[in-house]
C-alpha atoms as a PDB file:
ATOM      1  CA  VAL A   1      45.777  85.306 125.934  1.00  0.00           C
ATOM      2  CA  LEU A   2      44.171  82.618 124.228  1.00  0.00           C
ATOM      3  CA  PHE A   3      43.533  80.727 127.493  1.00  0.00           C
ATOM      4  CA  ALA A   4      41.867  83.885 128.924  1.00  0.00           C
ATOM      5  CA  LEU A   5      39.433  84.122 125.940  1.00  0.00           C
ATOM      6  CA  LEU A   6      38.075  80.526 125.673  1.00  0.00           C
ATOM      7  CA  PRO A   7      35.333  81.239 128.580  1.00  0.00           C
ATOM      8  CA  LEU A   8      34.152  84.386 126.677  1.00  0.00           C
ATOM      9  CA  SER A   9      31.504  82.697 124.315  1.00  0.00           C
ATOM     10  CA  SER A  10      30.268  80.739 127.500  1.00  0.00           C
ATOM     11  CA  PHE A  11      29.923  84.232 129.397  1.00  0.00           C
ATOM     12  CA  ILE A  12      27.949  85.528 126.632  1.00  0.00           C
ATOM     13  CA  ILE A  13      25.736  82.942 125.800  1.00  0.00           C
ATOM     14  CA  THR A  14      24.691  82.927 129.493  1.00  0.00           C
ATOM     15  CA  LEU A  15      24.344  86.748 129.532  1.00  0.00           C
ATOM     16  CA  VAL A  16      22.029  86.420 126.513  1.00  0.00           C
ATOM     17  CA  TRP A  17      19.975  83.305 128.272  1.00  0.00           C
ATOM     18  CA  TYR A  18      19.481  85.662 131.452  1.00  0.00           C
ATOM     19  CA  CYS A  19      18.284  88.548 129.217  1.00  0.00           C
ATOM     20  CA  GLN A  20      15.784  86.485 127.390  1.00  0.00           C
ATOM     21  CA  SER A  21      14.567  84.642 130.486  1.00  0.00           C
ATOM     22  CA  GLY A  22      13.956  87.939 132.018  1.00  0.00           C
ATOM     23  CA  THR A  23      15.309  86.542 135.496  1.00  0.00           C
ATOM     24  CA  ALA A  24      18.581  88.634 135.522  1.00  0.00           C
ATOM     25  CA  TRP A  25      17.257  90.911 138.005  1.00  0.00           C
ATOM     26  CA  SER A  26      13.809  89.368 139.304  1.00  0.00           C
ATOM     27  CA  PRO A  27      13.487  90.146 142.985  1.00  0.00           C
ATOM     28  CA  ALA A  28      12.079  86.828 143.362  1.00  0.00           C
ATOM     29  CA  HIS A  29      15.216  85.202 142.534  1.00  0.00           C
ATOM     30  CA  PRO A  30      18.235  86.705 144.403  1.00  0.00           C
ATOM     31  CA  ALA A  31      20.689  83.602 144.011  1.00  0.00           C
ATOM     32  CA  VAL A  32      19.773  84.072 140.408  1.00  0.00           C
ATOM     33  CA  SER A  33      20.419  87.841 140.371  1.00  0.00           C
ATOM     34  CA  SER A  34      23.599  87.803 142.608  1.00  0.00           C
ATOM     35  CA  ARG A  35      25.043  85.443 139.906  1.00  0.00           C
ATOM     36  CA  PHE A  36      24.493  87.397 136.914  1.00  0.00           C
ATOM     37  CA  ALA A  37      25.753  90.170 138.875  1.00  0.00           C
ATOM     38  CA  ILE A  38      28.894  87.986 139.355  1.00  0.00           C
ATOM     39  CA  LEU A  39      28.868  86.871 135.472  1.00  0.00           C
ATOM     40  CA  CYS A  40      28.967  90.471 134.390  1.00  0.00           C
ATOM     41  CA  LEU A  41      32.107  91.309 136.857  1.00  0.00           C
ATOM     42  CA  GLN A  42      33.972  88.437 135.287  1.00  0.00           C
ATOM     43  CA  LEU A  43      32.969  89.469 131.729  1.00  0.00           C
ATOM     44  CA  ALA A  44      33.859  93.169 132.687  1.00  0.00           C
ATOM     45  CA  SER A  45      37.441  91.800 134.007  1.00  0.00           C
ATOM     46  CA  LEU A  46      38.036  89.863 130.632  1.00  0.00           C
ATOM     47  CA  LEU A  47      37.055  92.867 128.535  1.00  0.00           C
ATOM     48  CA  VAL A  48      39.582  95.190 130.657  1.00  0.00           C
ATOM     49  CA  TYR A  49      42.541  92.414 130.245  1.00  0.00           C
ATOM     50  CA  VAL A  50      42.200  91.975 126.724  1.00  0.00           C
ATOM     51  CA  ILE A  51      41.816  95.963 126.325  1.00  0.00           C
ATOM     52  CA  GLY A  52      44.871  96.169 128.099  1.00  0.00           C
ATOM     53  CA  TYR A  53      46.523  93.368 126.319  1.00  0.00           C
ATOM     54  CA  LEU A  54      45.946  94.918 122.834  1.00  0.00           C
ATOM     55  CA  LEU A  55      46.777  98.590 123.948  1.00  0.00           C
ATOM     56  CA  PRO A  56      50.040  98.685 125.981  1.00  0.00           C
ATOM     57  CA  THR A  57      50.782 101.792 127.478  1.00  0.00           C
ATOM     58  CA  THR A  58      54.094 103.913 126.681  1.00  0.00           C
ATOM     59  CA  GLY A  59      55.401 103.007 130.125  1.00  0.00           C
ATOM     60  CA  ARG A  60      55.057  99.341 129.306  1.00  0.00           C
ATOM     61  CA  GLN A  61      56.471  99.679 125.558  1.00  0.00           C
ATOM     62  CA  ASP A  62      59.504 101.527 127.302  1.00  0.00           C
ATOM     63  CA  LEU A  63      60.175  98.810 129.612  1.00  0.00           C
ATOM     64  CA  LEU A  64      60.189  96.213 126.839  1.00  0.00           C
ATOM     65  CA  SER A  65      62.744  98.243 124.806  1.00  0.00           C
ATOM     66  CA  ILE A  66      66.200  96.616 124.582  1.00  0.00           C
ATOM     67  CA  ASN A  67      67.769  99.989 123.492  1.00  0.00           C
ATOM     68  CA  ARG A  68      67.352 101.415 127.194  1.00  0.00           C
ATOM     69  CA  SER A  69      70.276 102.682 128.969  1.00  0.00           C
ATOM     70  CA  TRP A  70      69.175 101.423 132.174  1.00  0.00           C
ATOM     71  CA  GLN A  71      68.886  97.540 130.881  1.00  0.00           C
ATOM     72  CA  GLN A  72      72.632  97.592 130.541  1.00  0.00           C
ATOM     73  CA  ASP A  73      73.307  98.414 134.214  1.00  0.00           C
ATOM     74  CA  GLN A  74      73.942  95.821 136.645  1.00  0.00           C
ATOM     75  CA  LEU A  75      71.892  95.414 139.482  1.00  0.00           C
ATOM     76  CA  ILE A  76      75.484  95.556 141.573  1.00  0.00           C
ATOM     77  CA  SER A  77      76.825  99.058 140.529  1.00  0.00           C
ATOM     78  CA  GLU A  78      79.523  99.581 142.934  1.00  0.00           C
ATOM     79  CA  PRO A  79      82.279  97.287 142.538  1.00  0.00           C
ATOM     80  CA  GLU A  80      84.227  98.063 145.652  1.00  0.00           C
ATOM     81  CA  ILE A  81      81.192  96.733 147.610  1.00  0.00           C
ATOM     82  CA  PRO A  82      81.216  92.908 148.229  1.00  0.00           C
ATOM     83  CA  VAL A  83      78.460  90.562 146.501  1.00  0.00           C
ATOM     84  CA  PRO A  84      76.955  89.319 150.189  1.00  0.00           C
ATOM     85  CA  ASP A  85      76.484  92.951 151.264  1.00  0.00           C
ATOM     86  CA  GLN A  86      74.127  93.602 148.209  1.00  0.00           C
ATOM     87  CA  GLN A  87      72.449  90.278 147.682  1.00  0.00           C
ATOM     88  CA  GLY A  88      69.128  89.706 149.718  1.00  0.00           C
ATOM     89  CA  VAL A  89      68.518  86.724 151.006  1.00  0.00           C
ATOM     90  CA  ALA A  90      65.664  84.462 150.273  1.00  0.00           C
ATOM     91  CA  GLU A  91      62.724  84.198 153.038  1.00  0.00           C
ATOM     92  CA  ASP A  92      64.623  85.207 155.878  1.00  0.00           C
ATOM     93  CA  GLY A  93      63.362  88.115 158.206  1.00  0.00           C
ATOM     94  CA  GLU A  94      60.146  88.097 156.121  1.00  0.00           C
ATOM     95  CA  SER A  95      56.876  87.840 158.065  1.00  0.00           C
ATOM     96  CA  TRP A  96      54.719  84.901 157.466  1.00  0.00           C
ATOM     97  CA  LEU A  97      52.080  86.520 155.488  1.00  0.00           C
ATOM     98  CA  SER A  98      55.185  87.143 152.824  1.00  0.00           C
ATOM     99  CA  ARG A  99      55.969  83.663 152.982  1.00  0.00           C
ATOM    100  CA  PHE A 100      52.719  82.402 152.742  1.00  0.00           C
ATOM    101  CA  PHE A 101      51.913  84.390 149.587  1.00  0.00           C
ATOM    102  CA  TYR A 102      55.500  84.642 148.108  1.00  0.00           C
ATOM    103  CA  ILE A 103      55.304  88.663 148.832  1.00  0.00           C
ATOM    104  CA  TRP A 104      59.138  88.500 148.998  1.00  0.00           C
ATOM    105  CA  MET A 105      59.268  87.332 145.456  1.00  0.00           C
ATOM    106  CA  ASN A 106      58.071  90.909 144.474  1.00  0.00           C
ATOM    107  CA  PRO A 107      61.376  92.467 143.942  1.00  0.00           C
ATOM    108  CA  LEU A 108      62.992  89.794 142.251  1.00  0.00           C
ATOM    109  CA  MET A 109      60.330  89.449 139.855  1.00  0.00           C
ATOM    110  CA  ARG A 110      60.315  93.225 139.013  1.00  0.00           C
ATOM    111  CA  ARG A 111      63.832  92.944 138.461  1.00  0.00           C
ATOM    112  CA  GLY A 112      63.499  90.066 135.845  1.00  0.00           C
ATOM    113  CA  TYR A 113      60.648  92.487 133.987  1.00  0.00           C
ATOM    114  CA  GLN A 114      63.324  94.912 133.813  1.00  0.00           C
ATOM    115  CA  TRP A 115      65.350  92.720 132.494  1.00  0.00           C
ATOM    116  CA  LYS A 116      68.267  93.109 135.025  1.00  0.00           C
ATOM    117  CA  LEU A 117      68.785  89.305 136.029  1.00  0.00           C
ATOM    118  CA  SER A 118      71.945  89.222 133.794  1.00  0.00           C
ATOM    119  CA  GLN A 119      74.274  87.888 136.603  1.00  0.00           C
ATOM    120  CA  PRO A 120      74.352  85.226 139.522  1.00  0.00           C
ATOM    121  CA  GLN A 121      74.985  87.970 141.713  1.00  0.00           C
ATOM    122  CA  ASP A 122      71.364  89.654 140.654  1.00  0.00           C
ATOM    123  CA  VAL A 123      69.261  86.852 142.246  1.00  0.00           C
ATOM    124  CA  TYR A 124      68.886  86.056 146.127  1.00  0.00           C
ATOM    125  CA  VAL A 125      70.995  84.147 148.208  1.00  0.00           C
ATOM    126  CA  LEU A 126      69.580  80.949 149.688  1.00  0.00           C
ATOM    127  CA  PRO A 127      68.256  81.233 153.088  1.00  0.00           C
ATOM    128  CA  HIS A 128      70.629  80.345 155.854  1.00  0.00           C
ATOM    129  CA  LYS A 129      68.698  76.942 156.731  1.00  0.00           C
ATOM    130  CA  LEU A 130      69.210  75.870 153.177  1.00  0.00           C
ATOM    131  CA  GLN A 131      72.911  76.588 152.807  1.00  0.00           C
ATOM    132  CA  ALA A 132      75.269  73.780 152.180  1.00  0.00           C
ATOM    133  CA  ASP A 133      77.422  74.573 155.170  1.00  0.00           C
ATOM    134  CA  ARG A 134      74.637  74.514 157.668  1.00  0.00           C
ATOM    135  CA  VAL A 135      73.082  71.764 156.333  1.00  0.00           C
ATOM    136  CA  CYS A 136      75.957  69.662 156.424  1.00  0.00           C
ATOM    137  CA  ASP A 137      77.223  70.541 159.872  1.00  0.00           C
ATOM    138  CA  ARG A 138      73.671  69.525 160.850  1.00  0.00           C
ATOM    139  CA  PHE A 139      74.007  66.221 158.883  1.00  0.00           C
ATOM    140  CA  ASN A 140      77.229  65.406 160.338  1.00  0.00           C
ATOM    141  CA  ALA A 141      76.554  66.394 163.900  1.00  0.00           C
ATOM    142  CA  CYS A 142      73.659  63.688 163.626  1.00  0.00           C
ATOM    143  CA  TRP A 143      75.831  61.074 162.065  1.00  0.00           C
ATOM    144  CA  LYS A 144      78.675  61.803 164.979  1.00  0.00           C
ATOM    145  CA  LYS A 145      75.419  61.396 167.471  1.00  0.00           C
ATOM    146  CA  LYS A 146      74.698  58.084 165.736  1.00  0.00           C
ATOM    147  CA  ALA A 147      78.450  56.940 165.874  1.00  0.00           C
ATOM    148  CA  ALA A 148      78.723  57.551 169.603  1.00  0.00           C
ATOM    149  CA  LEU A 149      75.585  55.884 170.289  1.00  0.00           C
ATOM    150  CA  HIS A 150      76.981  52.561 168.388  1.00  0.00           C
ATOM    151  CA  GLN A 151      80.239  52.895 170.330  1.00  0.00           C
ATOM    152  CA  VAL A 152      78.732  53.137 173.652  1.00  0.00           C
ATOM    153  CA  GLU A 153      76.934  50.343 172.985  1.00  0.00           C
ATOM    154  CA  GLU A 154      79.546  48.097 171.659  1.00  0.00           C
ATOM    155  CA  GLU A 155      81.820  49.141 174.953  1.00  0.00           C
ATOM    156  CA  THR A 156      78.918  48.026 176.886  1.00  0.00           C
ATOM    157  CA  VAL A 157      78.259  44.849 174.835  1.00  0.00           C
ATOM    158  CA  SER A 158      82.533  44.201 175.432  1.00  0.00           C
ATOM    159  CA  LEU A 159      82.360  45.182 179.108  1.00  0.00           C
ATOM    160  CA  THR A 160      79.491  42.948 180.010  1.00  0.00           C
ATOM    161  CA  SER A 161      79.956  40.027 177.671  1.00  0.00           C
ATOM    162  CA  PRO A 162      84.057  39.828 177.235  1.00  0.00           C
ATOM    163  CA  ILE A 163      83.614  36.465 175.596  1.00  0.00           C
ATOM    164  CA  ILE A 164      81.309  37.398 173.145  1.00  0.00           C
ATOM    165  CA  ALA A 165      83.239  40.654 172.470  1.00  0.00           C
ATOM    166  CA  GLY A 166      86.610  38.758 171.695  1.00  0.00           C
ATOM    167  CA  GLY A 167      88.294  37.850 174.972  1.00  0.00           C
ATOM    168  CA  ASP A 168      89.500  40.267 177.307  1.00  0.00           C
ATOM    169  CA  GLY A 169      86.797  42.808 177.261  1.00  0.00           C
ATOM    170  CA  ASN A 170      89.458  45.721 176.160  1.00  0.00           C
ATOM    171  CA  CYS A 171      89.170  46.658 172.546  1.00  0.00           C
ATOM    172  CA  ASP A 172      90.935  49.372 170.516  1.00  0.00           C
ATOM    173  CA  ALA A 173      89.704  52.807 170.873  1.00  0.00           C
ATOM    174  CA  SER A 174      90.316  53.374 167.195  1.00  0.00           C
ATOM    175  CA  ASP A 175      88.880  50.008 166.248  1.00  0.00           C
ATOM    176  CA  SER A 176      85.695  50.963 167.907  1.00  0.00           C
ATOM    177  CA  SER A 177      85.404  54.088 166.711  1.00  0.00           C
ATOM    178  CA  ARG A 178      85.789  52.577 163.227  1.00  0.00           C
ATOM    179  CA  ARG A 179      83.339  50.037 163.935  1.00  0.00           C
ATOM    180  CA  ALA A 180      80.698  52.423 165.283  1.00  0.00           C
ATOM    181  CA  GLN A 181      81.012  54.741 162.077  1.00  0.00           C
ATOM    182  CA  GLU A 182      80.782  51.898 159.709  1.00  0.00           C
ATOM    183  CA  ALA A 183      77.601  50.453 161.810  1.00  0.00           C
ATOM    184  CA  VAL A 184      75.469  53.898 160.948  1.00  0.00           C
ATOM    185  CA  ARG A 185      72.878  53.509 158.780  1.00  0.00           C
ATOM    186  CA  LEU A 186      72.634  56.719 156.029  1.00  0.00           C
ATOM    187  CA  PHE A 187      68.625  56.327 156.237  1.00  0.00           C
ATOM    188  CA  SER A 188      68.731  56.942 159.867  1.00  0.00           C
ATOM    189  CA  VAL A 189      70.843  59.952 159.921  1.00  0.00           C
ATOM    190  CA  LEU A 190      68.518  61.438 157.267  1.00  0.00           C
ATOM    191  CA  HIS A 191      66.021  60.650 159.701  1.00  0.00           C
ATOM    192  CA  ALA A 192      67.374  61.998 162.504  1.00  0.00           C
ATOM    193  CA  ALA A 193      68.272  65.241 160.978  1.00  0.00           C
ATOM    194  CA  PHE A 194      65.539  66.058 158.568  1.00  0.00           C
ATOM    195  CA  GLY A 195      62.730  63.564 159.874  1.00  0.00           C
ATOM    196  CA  LEU A 196      60.810  65.939 161.930  1.00  0.00           C
ATOM    197  CA  ARG A 197      60.489  68.684 159.279  1.00  0.00           C
ATOM    198  CA  PHE A 198      59.423  66.079 156.341  1.00  0.00           C
ATOM    199  CA  TYR A 199      56.763  64.739 158.731  1.00  0.00           C
ATOM    200  CA  SER A 200      55.438  68.067 159.921  1.00  0.00           C
ATOM    201  CA  LEU A 201      54.442  68.777 156.468  1.00  0.00           C
ATOM    202  CA  GLY A 202      52.096  66.114 156.278  1.00  0.00           C
ATOM    203  CA  LEU A 203      49.934  68.411 158.109  1.00  0.00           C
ATOM    204  CA  LEU A 204      49.959  70.716 155.525  1.00  0.00           C
ATOM    205  CA  LYS A 205      49.068  67.408 153.054  1.00  0.00           C
ATOM    206  CA  LEU A 206      46.010  66.508 155.453  1.00  0.00           C
ATOM    207  CA  ALA A 207      44.704  70.010 155.697  1.00  0.00           C
ATOM    208  CA  GLY A 208      44.830  70.402 152.021  1.00  0.00           C
ATOM    209  CA  SER A 209      43.473  67.051 151.468  1.00  0.00           C
ATOM    210  CA  LEU A 210      40.730  67.809 153.754  1.00  0.00           C
ATOM    211  CA  LEU A 211      39.525  70.812 151.816  1.00  0.00           C
ATOM    212  CA  GLY A 212      39.808  69.390 148.615  1.00  0.00           C
ATOM    213  CA  PHE A 213      37.386  67.017 149.785  1.00  0.00           C
ATOM    214  CA  SER A 214      34.822  69.499 151.034  1.00  0.00           C
ATOM    215  CA  GLY A 215      34.467  70.874 147.482  1.00  0.00           C
ATOM    216  CA  PRO A 216      32.316  68.272 146.291  1.00  0.00           C
ATOM    217  CA  LEU A 217      30.330  68.338 149.665  1.00  0.00           C
ATOM    218  CA  LEU A 218      29.770  71.665 149.875  1.00  0.00           C
ATOM    219  CA  LEU A 219      28.634  71.938 145.814  1.00  0.00           C
ATOM    220  CA  ASN A 220      26.235  69.392 146.633  1.00  0.00           C
ATOM    221  CA  LEU A 221      24.728  71.148 149.332  1.00  0.00           C
ATOM    222  CA  LEU A 222      24.312  74.087 147.308  1.00  0.00           C
ATOM    223  CA  VAL A 223      22.927  72.087 144.175  1.00  0.00           C
ATOM    224  CA  ASN A 224      20.164  71.042 146.455  1.00  0.00           C
ATOM    225  CA  PHE A 225      20.018  74.536 148.118  1.00  0.00           C
ATOM    226  CA  MET A 226      19.229  75.676 144.883  1.00  0.00           C
ATOM    227  CA  GLU A 227      16.947  73.245 143.701  1.00  0.00           C
ATOM    228  CA  SER A 228      14.803  72.581 146.609  1.00  0.00           C
ATOM    229  CA  ARG A 229      14.301  76.464 147.527  1.00  0.00           C
ATOM    230  CA  GLN A 230      13.237  75.827 150.906  1.00  0.00           C
ATOM    231  CA  GLU A 231      16.825  77.019 153.266  1.00  0.00           C
ATOM    232  CA  PRO A 232      16.834  80.826 153.927  1.00  0.00           C
ATOM    233  CA  LEU A 233      19.396  82.672 151.306  1.00  0.00           C
ATOM    234  CA  SER A 234      22.215  82.704 154.046  1.00  0.00           C
ATOM    235  CA  HIS A 235      22.523  79.078 153.930  1.00  0.00           C
ATOM    236  CA  GLY A 236      23.014  79.136 150.290  1.00  0.00           C
ATOM    237  CA  MET A 237      25.886  82.226 150.932  1.00  0.00           C
ATOM    238  CA  LEU A 238      27.263  79.799 153.413  1.00  0.00           C
ATOM    239  CA  TYR A 239      27.926  77.239 150.998  1.00  0.00           C
ATOM    240  CA  ALA A 240      28.954  79.265 148.175  1.00  0.00           C
ATOM    241  CA  PHE A 241      31.617  80.938 150.290  1.00  0.00           C
ATOM    242  CA  GLY A 242      32.644  77.511 151.724  1.00  0.00           C
ATOM    243  CA  LEU A 243      33.190  76.238 148.149  1.00  0.00           C
ATOM    244  CA  PHE A 244      35.314  79.529 147.393  1.00  0.00           C
ATOM    245  CA  ALA A 245      37.365  79.350 150.632  1.00  0.00           C
ATOM    246  CA  GLY A 246      37.973  75.628 150.564  1.00  0.00           C
ATOM    247  CA  SER A 247      39.036  75.497 147.161  1.00  0.00           C
ATOM    248  CA  PHE A 248      41.347  78.874 147.611  1.00  0.00           C
ATOM    249  CA  LEU A 249      42.643  77.585 151.015  1.00  0.00           C
ATOM    250  CA  GLY A 250      43.322  74.085 149.694  1.00  0.00           C
ATOM    251  CA  ALA A 251      45.295  75.678 146.571  1.00  0.00           C
ATOM    252  CA  LEU A 252      47.407  77.618 148.831  1.00  0.00           C
ATOM    253  CA  LEU A 253      48.190  74.618 151.497  1.00  0.00           C
ATOM    254  CA  ARG A 254      49.044  72.153 148.670  1.00  0.00           C
ATOM    255  CA  ASN A 255      51.419  74.896 146.881  1.00  0.00           C
ATOM    256  CA  GLN A 256      53.084  75.983 150.421  1.00  0.00           C
ATOM    257  CA  PHE A 257      53.588  71.479 150.427  1.00  0.00           C
ATOM    258  CA  SER A 258      55.010  71.161 147.362  1.00  0.00           C
ATOM    259  CA  TYR A 259      57.348  74.154 148.289  1.00  0.00           C
ATOM    260  CA  GLU A 260      58.243  73.373 151.380  1.00  0.00           C
ATOM    261  CA  VAL A 261      58.823  69.336 150.357  1.00  0.00           C
ATOM    262  CA  ASN A 262      61.234  70.795 147.727  1.00  0.00           C
ATOM    263  CA  LYS A 263      63.078  72.396 150.051  1.00  0.00           C
ATOM    264  CA  VAL A 264      63.579  69.494 152.220  1.00  0.00           C
ATOM    265  CA  THR A 265      64.475  67.567 149.026  1.00  0.00           C
ATOM    266  CA  LEU A 266      67.588  70.058 148.675  1.00  0.00           C
ATOM    267  CA  MET A 267      68.614  69.789 152.098  1.00  0.00           C
ATOM    268  CA  VAL A 268      68.995  66.062 151.983  1.00  0.00           C
ATOM    269  CA  ARG A 269      70.460  66.243 148.232  1.00  0.00           C
ATOM    270  CA  ALA A 270      72.945  68.505 149.388  1.00  0.00           C
ATOM    271  CA  ALA A 271      73.967  66.485 152.553  1.00  0.00           C
ATOM    272  CA  VAL A 272      74.212  63.166 150.882  1.00  0.00           C
ATOM    273  CA  ILE A 273      76.447  64.850 148.003  1.00  0.00           C
ATOM    274  CA  SER A 274      78.427  66.600 150.871  1.00  0.00           C
ATOM    275  CA  ALA A 275      79.105  62.781 152.542  1.00  0.00           C
ATOM    276  CA  ILE A 276      80.144  61.242 148.871  1.00  0.00           C
ATOM    277  CA  TYR A 277      82.733  64.047 148.381  1.00  0.00           C
ATOM    278  CA  ARG A 278      83.950  63.744 151.912  1.00  0.00           C
ATOM    279  CA  LYS A 279      84.326  60.097 151.735  1.00  0.00           C
ATOM    280  CA  ALA A 280      85.870  60.446 148.236  1.00  0.00           C
ATOM    281  CA  LEU A 281      88.486  62.735 149.640  1.00  0.00           C
ATOM    282  CA  ARG A 282      89.568  60.394 152.689  1.00  0.00           C
ATOM    283  CA  VAL A 283      89.795  57.067 150.665  1.00  0.00           C
ATOM    284  CA  GLY A 284      93.139  55.989 150.826  1.00  0.00           C
ATOM    285  CA  SER A 285      95.295  55.537 148.144  1.00  0.00           C
ATOM    286  CA  THR A 286      95.309  51.776 148.187  1.00  0.00           C
ATOM    287  CA  SER A 287      91.407  51.633 147.741  1.00  0.00           C
ATOM    288  CA  LEU A 288      91.546  53.682 145.143  1.00  0.00           C
ATOM    289  CA  ALA A 289      94.030  51.437 143.504  1.00  0.00           C
ATOM    290  CA  ARG A 290      91.348  48.957 143.005  1.00  0.00           C
ATOM    291  CA  PHE A 291      89.486  51.202 140.213  1.00  0.00           C
ATOM    292  CA  THR A 292      90.090  52.785 137.274  1.00  0.00           C
ATOM    293  CA  VAL A 293      89.510  56.403 136.851  1.00  0.00           C
ATOM    294  CA  GLY A 294      86.636  55.927 134.816  1.00  0.00           C
ATOM    295  CA  GLU A 295      85.212  53.798 137.570  1.00  0.00           C
ATOM    296  CA  ILE A 296      85.530  56.618 140.202  1.00  0.00           C
ATOM    297  CA  VAL A 297      84.103  59.045 137.855  1.00  0.00           C
ATOM    298  CA  ASN A 298      81.107  56.980 137.447  1.00  0.00           C
ATOM    299  CA  PHE A 299      80.735  56.243 141.193  1.00  0.00           C
ATOM    300  CA  MET A 300      80.595  60.101 141.863  1.00  0.00           C
END
């Protein structure tokens, strides 16, 4: 509330200056009049917000009461129904508009406002593309593909250059497969599994950055329009609308970029952790004997 009241003094001072100067509703200055109208609307909305905060309604007091019986109810009221049938899946099945403006989060925010988020089953399930089993399957498929390519290259080299490969040109299949697995690099697998999605997010970042650079340019044009008073009023309105639209869309795109990058980071983290634990479960007892329990825990 304090942050909302910070511009109140500047609003009042500006309104008083408009009233004293007599240019608030001057037909000769339409730009000044429109700015005065917008300022009045901002002040009115701020006053409505303050009044609504200081004088809450009865329904809001009921929602904030800790003695309400419905606050003790769980989101899953029927225990015989399994959890996956009752939990919603985040984002899946939603339209692009719902994803862009996070409308799919409204039911979850409403439940949180009603204090119904008391168990892990009360929140959404991860989208299918972010679930660990699908991410690991994709990561393992890319790993096997890379290993198969390395194995084909080794077999090609052994057939074409038997002397360099080690003699007769016939190598054991298990040794070839093992060497192919060891030749695979983690970065190349991550690049093959998630690189396209990560690089495509650069378009969002580029668009957001361009819209951010357009703000000062449009502001310069708007200031020149107000100082020169030679351009038509439609140009000034276009500059003001472009400044607003650029800032609004830029903020949306930057927010979407951060959100999508966090999802890619979550997928990479899940894939790497699953690979580490899979490797730890397959290590032989002779290899583990070289390390103590504390060292193994630190490695994990």
